[in-house]
Structure formats: C-alpha cells, structure tokens
Amino acid sequence: MKKKLTITLFIILLPVAIMTLVILLRPEGYSITTEKDSSFDKKIQRIFIIAMVEEHLKSVFAHSFEHSMTSAFQSNSVDAIVKVIFPESDSLTDYGKEAETFAPDATMHIEINPLYRTRDDGYQAIVGTDFEASLIDMATQTRVWYATGKVDYIKHFTSYYIAHEGIRKEFAWNTTAAIVRAFIAEVNGQKPAPIYTQTEVRQRHGQRVD
C-alpha cells in the first residue's frame, strides 16, 4: 500500500519538479554589452531616468517597464524616478524642471525599440526589445556608462515562446533586469538584488506584475 502511494505521489509530483527545474535552468532572456569610464568611481544614490519607447511597445510594455525599473532600482537602494515617453507625443525637455528639482546624481537616457522576427506566414512579430542606455554624471555632464542589448525570446526561449503579437510584460521585465543588474554591478560596485522576469516567480516573491 505504501509502495503504491509512493509511486502515485512520484507520478503526480514529477511534472511539477521538471517544470521547476526548467524554469531555474533556462537562460536569461537578454544579451547586453556595456562600457564604463574607468575614471568614474562615484556611487549613484539618486537617478532620473527618461526612457523613450517606440509607439508599438506602448501597449502593456511601457507601463510594466516604468514600474519595474523604479522598483528594481529602489530594491538596490537607489532612489529613482522613471519617465516613459513616446517619440510622437513627448520630448526630453518636458521633464527638465522635474529632473532639476529631484537633484539626481546622474541621469539615464534609454531608447527602446521593438525587436521583430518574421513568421512563416510573413507577419512581422514583436519578440523582444532592442535597447541602449546612457548614464550622464550630473557633476561633469559627461557620459560615464553605456549599455546596448537585446531581449530576444526566440533566441533565448525557443522551445517556450511562439511569435504572435508578441507584446508581453516579460519583455519589460527582462529589459529592466538587463540594464539594472549591469548598472548596479558595474557602476555601484555591488551585487544586484534579485529581479525576476517570469510572472509566476514575480508573484511568488512579491514583485509587481502590472
């Protein structure tokens, strides 16, 4: 009886264990390359971020990106204001006074465009983002750190993702993770706090999924 119960539990729990292992082992959903001014050694405690997001990413992505960036920096002890703007309706100068009032140690300018892949039927599907970020030291008004990269679900999650309309919150969270993890490690010289990039894991650890 005990043997049958053990076998039954094993059969029930095996798929759960496999899925958990798959989630843990699958690679990060991004690639990133960075450059840092070797003479810059100041730790950033306050940062004002303006992210210019292409219009096709406005739905779902933009809202999630703004909130995830803010919380990711705050969880790493960096006070951050994040503003998402769109090329057709906003300008960098719209937030000049707010940035001045906030008095940050640095500003970051981020440009985010959709990453497209062509499906077999010829449709151009959004499968991630193509991004670049520049950190400007307010004291010298010079660029001290630069990052460029891609969130590419087809490349990193081939067996998990099928290209369709393709605008997902996970694109925002992976873009956030790529930039903030690299920034915290390279600019502030500390181990980044966890930033989760899947819905179920974010919920489990109390990170916003909106």
Protein backbone atom coordinates (compact mmCIF):
# COMPACT_ATOMS: atom_id res chain seq x y z
CA MET A 1 0.00 0.00 0.00
CA LYS A 2 2.79 2.40 0.99
CA LYS A 3 4.70 1.48 -2.17
CA LYS A 4 1.67 2.25 -4.37
CA LEU A 5 1.16 5.58 -2.57
CA THR A 6 4.82 6.48 -3.08
CA ILE A 7 4.63 5.65 -6.79
CA THR A 8 1.42 7.64 -7.16
CA LEU A 9 2.94 10.70 -5.44
CA PHE A 10 6.04 10.38 -7.59
CA ILE A 11 3.94 10.35 -10.78
CA ILE A 12 1.94 13.37 -9.62
CA LEU A 13 4.93 15.42 -8.48
CA LEU A 14 7.34 14.57 -11.30
CA PRO A 15 5.88 17.06 -13.84
CA VAL A 16 5.97 19.81 -11.21
CA ALA A 17 9.61 19.05 -10.41
CA ILE A 18 10.56 19.02 -14.08
CA MET A 19 8.82 22.35 -14.75
CA THR A 20 10.52 23.93 -11.72
CA LEU A 21 13.90 22.69 -12.93
CA VAL A 22 13.23 24.03 -16.42
CA ILE A 23 12.35 27.47 -15.03
CA LEU A 24 15.52 27.51 -12.92
CA LEU A 25 17.82 26.34 -15.70
CA ARG A 26 16.54 28.31 -18.68
CA PRO A 27 18.85 31.19 -19.66
CA GLU A 28 18.30 34.89 -19.13
CA GLY A 29 16.09 36.44 -21.79
CA TYR A 30 18.60 39.06 -22.84
CA SER A 31 22.10 39.88 -24.02
CA ILE A 32 23.92 43.09 -23.08
CA THR A 33 27.23 44.82 -23.78
CA THR A 34 28.49 47.70 -21.63
CA GLU A 35 31.21 50.33 -21.48
CA LYS A 36 32.26 52.29 -18.39
CA ASP A 37 34.52 55.30 -17.93
CA SER A 38 37.30 53.80 -15.81
CA SER A 39 37.92 57.12 -14.05
CA PHE A 40 34.36 57.30 -12.73
CA ASP A 41 34.16 55.87 -9.21
CA LYS A 42 31.16 57.61 -7.66
CA LYS A 43 28.28 55.52 -6.30
CA ILE A 44 24.92 56.65 -7.64
CA GLN A 45 22.22 57.09 -4.98
CA ARG A 46 19.66 59.16 -6.92
CA ILE A 47 18.90 58.73 -10.60
CA PHE A 48 16.43 60.33 -13.01
CA ILE A 49 15.58 58.11 -15.97
CA ILE A 50 13.89 59.03 -19.23
CA ALA A 51 13.05 56.04 -21.43
CA MET A 52 11.98 56.77 -24.99
CA VAL A 53 9.81 53.84 -26.03
CA GLU A 54 8.75 53.21 -29.62
CA GLU A 55 4.98 53.54 -30.14
CA HIS A 56 4.45 49.83 -30.95
CA LEU A 57 5.59 48.98 -27.41
CA LYS A 58 3.15 51.38 -25.78
CA SER A 59 0.57 48.71 -25.00
CA VAL A 60 1.41 46.61 -21.91
CA PHE A 61 5.19 47.07 -22.17
CA ALA A 62 5.54 50.76 -21.26
CA HIS A 63 3.52 50.65 -18.02
CA SER A 64 5.27 47.48 -16.80
CA PHE A 65 8.69 48.85 -17.71
CA GLU A 66 8.20 52.10 -15.80
CA HIS A 67 7.12 50.32 -12.62
CA SER A 68 9.67 47.52 -12.85
CA MET A 69 12.56 49.95 -13.40
CA THR A 70 11.52 52.07 -10.44
CA SER A 71 11.16 49.11 -8.09
CA ALA A 72 14.34 47.41 -9.35
CA PHE A 73 16.45 50.48 -8.57
CA GLN A 74 14.75 51.00 -5.22
CA SER A 75 15.39 47.38 -4.23
CA ASN A 76 19.06 48.12 -4.89
CA SER A 77 18.99 51.20 -2.61
CA VAL A 78 18.91 53.71 -5.48
CA ASP A 79 16.21 56.39 -5.35
CA ALA A 80 14.83 56.54 -8.89
CA ILE A 81 12.28 58.47 -10.93
CA VAL A 82 11.42 56.81 -14.23
CA LYS A 83 9.55 58.58 -17.02
CA VAL A 84 8.48 56.73 -20.17
CA ILE A 85 7.98 58.94 -23.20
CA PHE A 86 6.97 58.32 -26.81
CA PRO A 87 8.66 59.91 -29.84
CA GLU A 88 5.43 61.08 -31.48
CA SER A 89 3.97 62.87 -28.47
CA ASP A 90 6.69 63.69 -25.91
CA SER A 91 10.06 65.40 -25.65
CA LEU A 92 13.07 65.03 -23.38
CA THR A 93 12.70 68.69 -22.42
CA ASP A 94 9.23 68.07 -20.94
CA TYR A 95 10.82 66.73 -17.75
CA GLY A 96 13.73 69.15 -17.36
CA LYS A 97 12.30 71.03 -14.38
CA GLU A 98 11.26 67.84 -12.60
CA ALA A 99 14.75 66.41 -13.01
CA GLU A 100 16.29 69.63 -11.68
CA THR A 101 14.02 69.58 -8.62
CA PHE A 102 14.83 65.93 -7.93
CA ALA A 103 18.56 66.79 -7.99
CA PRO A 104 19.88 63.36 -9.07
CA ASP A 105 23.49 62.22 -9.00
CA ALA A 106 23.04 61.10 -12.60
CA THR A 107 20.51 60.87 -15.38
CA MET A 108 19.96 57.91 -17.66
CA HIS A 109 18.59 58.12 -21.17
CA ILE A 110 17.19 54.87 -22.55
CA GLU A 111 15.94 54.21 -26.07
CA ILE A 112 13.84 51.08 -26.59
CA ASN A 113 12.63 49.71 -29.92
CA PRO A 114 10.75 46.51 -30.76
CA LEU A 115 12.75 43.51 -31.89
CA TYR A 116 10.98 41.84 -34.80
CA ARG A 117 11.07 38.34 -36.27
CA THR A 118 9.31 37.27 -39.45
CA ARG A 119 6.95 34.32 -39.03
CA ASP A 120 6.48 31.66 -41.70
CA ASP A 121 3.36 33.46 -42.89
CA GLY A 122 5.36 36.68 -43.41
CA TYR A 123 3.99 38.52 -40.37
CA GLN A 124 6.45 40.76 -38.53
CA ALA A 125 6.04 39.74 -34.88
CA ILE A 126 7.50 41.57 -31.90
CA VAL A 127 9.62 39.07 -29.99
CA GLY A 128 11.51 41.38 -27.66
CA THR A 129 13.33 44.69 -27.49
CA ASP A 130 16.41 46.39 -28.87
CA PHE A 131 17.73 48.91 -26.35
CA GLU A 132 20.54 51.25 -25.43
CA ALA A 133 21.15 53.27 -22.28
CA SER A 134 23.49 56.15 -21.45
CA LEU A 135 24.36 57.34 -17.94
CA ILE A 136 25.23 61.02 -17.59
CA ASP A 137 27.08 62.23 -14.48
CA MET A 138 25.39 65.45 -13.37
CA ALA A 139 28.60 66.87 -11.88
CA THR A 140 30.54 66.76 -15.15
CA GLN A 141 27.70 66.40 -17.70
CA THR A 142 29.64 63.59 -19.36
CA ARG A 143 28.64 60.06 -20.28
CA VAL A 144 30.19 57.65 -17.80
CA TRP A 145 28.43 54.38 -18.65
CA TYR A 146 26.78 52.96 -21.76
CA ALA A 147 24.86 49.77 -22.44
CA THR A 148 23.34 48.22 -25.52
CA GLY A 149 21.49 44.95 -25.82
CA LYS A 150 18.54 42.84 -26.87
CA VAL A 151 15.71 40.94 -25.26
CA ASP A 152 15.09 38.12 -27.72
CA TYR A 153 12.58 35.42 -26.79
CA ILE A 154 13.12 33.44 -29.98
CA LYS A 155 16.88 33.20 -29.35
CA HIS A 156 16.73 32.54 -25.62
CA PHE A 157 13.41 30.72 -25.17
CA THR A 158 12.96 28.92 -28.49
CA SER A 159 11.02 26.00 -27.03
CA TYR A 160 8.90 28.18 -24.75
CA TYR A 161 7.69 31.01 -26.97
CA ILE A 162 5.81 31.19 -30.26
CA ALA A 163 5.92 34.56 -32.05
CA HIS A 164 2.45 36.06 -32.35
CA GLU A 165 1.51 39.63 -31.43
CA GLY A 166 4.46 39.43 -29.08
CA ILE A 167 3.97 42.38 -26.72
CA ARG A 168 4.48 40.87 -23.28
CA LYS A 169 5.22 42.11 -19.79
CA GLU A 170 8.18 39.73 -19.73
CA PHE A 171 9.86 41.90 -22.39
CA ALA A 172 9.69 44.84 -19.96
CA TRP A 173 10.98 42.82 -17.02
CA ASN A 174 13.91 41.36 -18.98
CA THR A 175 14.83 44.81 -20.33
CA THR A 176 14.74 46.12 -16.76
CA ALA A 177 16.84 43.21 -15.48
CA ALA A 178 19.48 43.64 -18.18
CA ILE A 179 20.01 47.35 -17.51
CA VAL A 180 19.67 47.43 -13.72
CA ARG A 181 21.74 44.32 -12.99
CA ALA A 182 24.61 45.61 -15.13
CA PHE A 183 24.35 49.14 -13.72
CA ILE A 184 24.35 48.04 -10.07
CA ALA A 185 27.29 45.67 -10.58
CA GLU A 186 29.45 47.92 -12.75
CA VAL A 187 28.64 51.46 -11.65
CA ASN A 188 27.76 50.99 -7.97
CA GLY A 189 30.04 48.00 -7.50
CA GLN A 190 27.60 45.86 -5.57
CA LYS A 191 25.77 42.58 -6.02
CA PRO A 192 22.37 43.27 -7.62
CA ALA A 193 19.23 42.39 -5.68
CA PRO A 194 17.07 39.74 -7.39
CA ILE A 195 14.96 40.91 -10.33
CA TYR A 196 12.55 38.24 -11.51
CA THR A 197 11.41 38.01 -15.12
CA GLN A 198 8.56 35.47 -15.16
CA THR A 199 5.04 36.11 -13.91
CA GLU A 200 4.83 33.14 -11.55
CA VAL A 201 8.21 33.90 -9.96
CA ARG A 202 7.47 37.62 -9.58
CA GLN A 203 4.21 36.81 -7.83
CA ARG A 204 5.95 34.35 -5.54
CA HIS A 205 8.50 36.97 -4.48
CA GLY A 206 6.08 39.88 -4.22
CA GLN A 207 7.22 41.85 -7.27
CA ARG A 208 4.62 43.75 -9.30
CA VAL A 209 3.26 42.11 -12.43
CA ASP A 210 1.20 45.01 -13.83
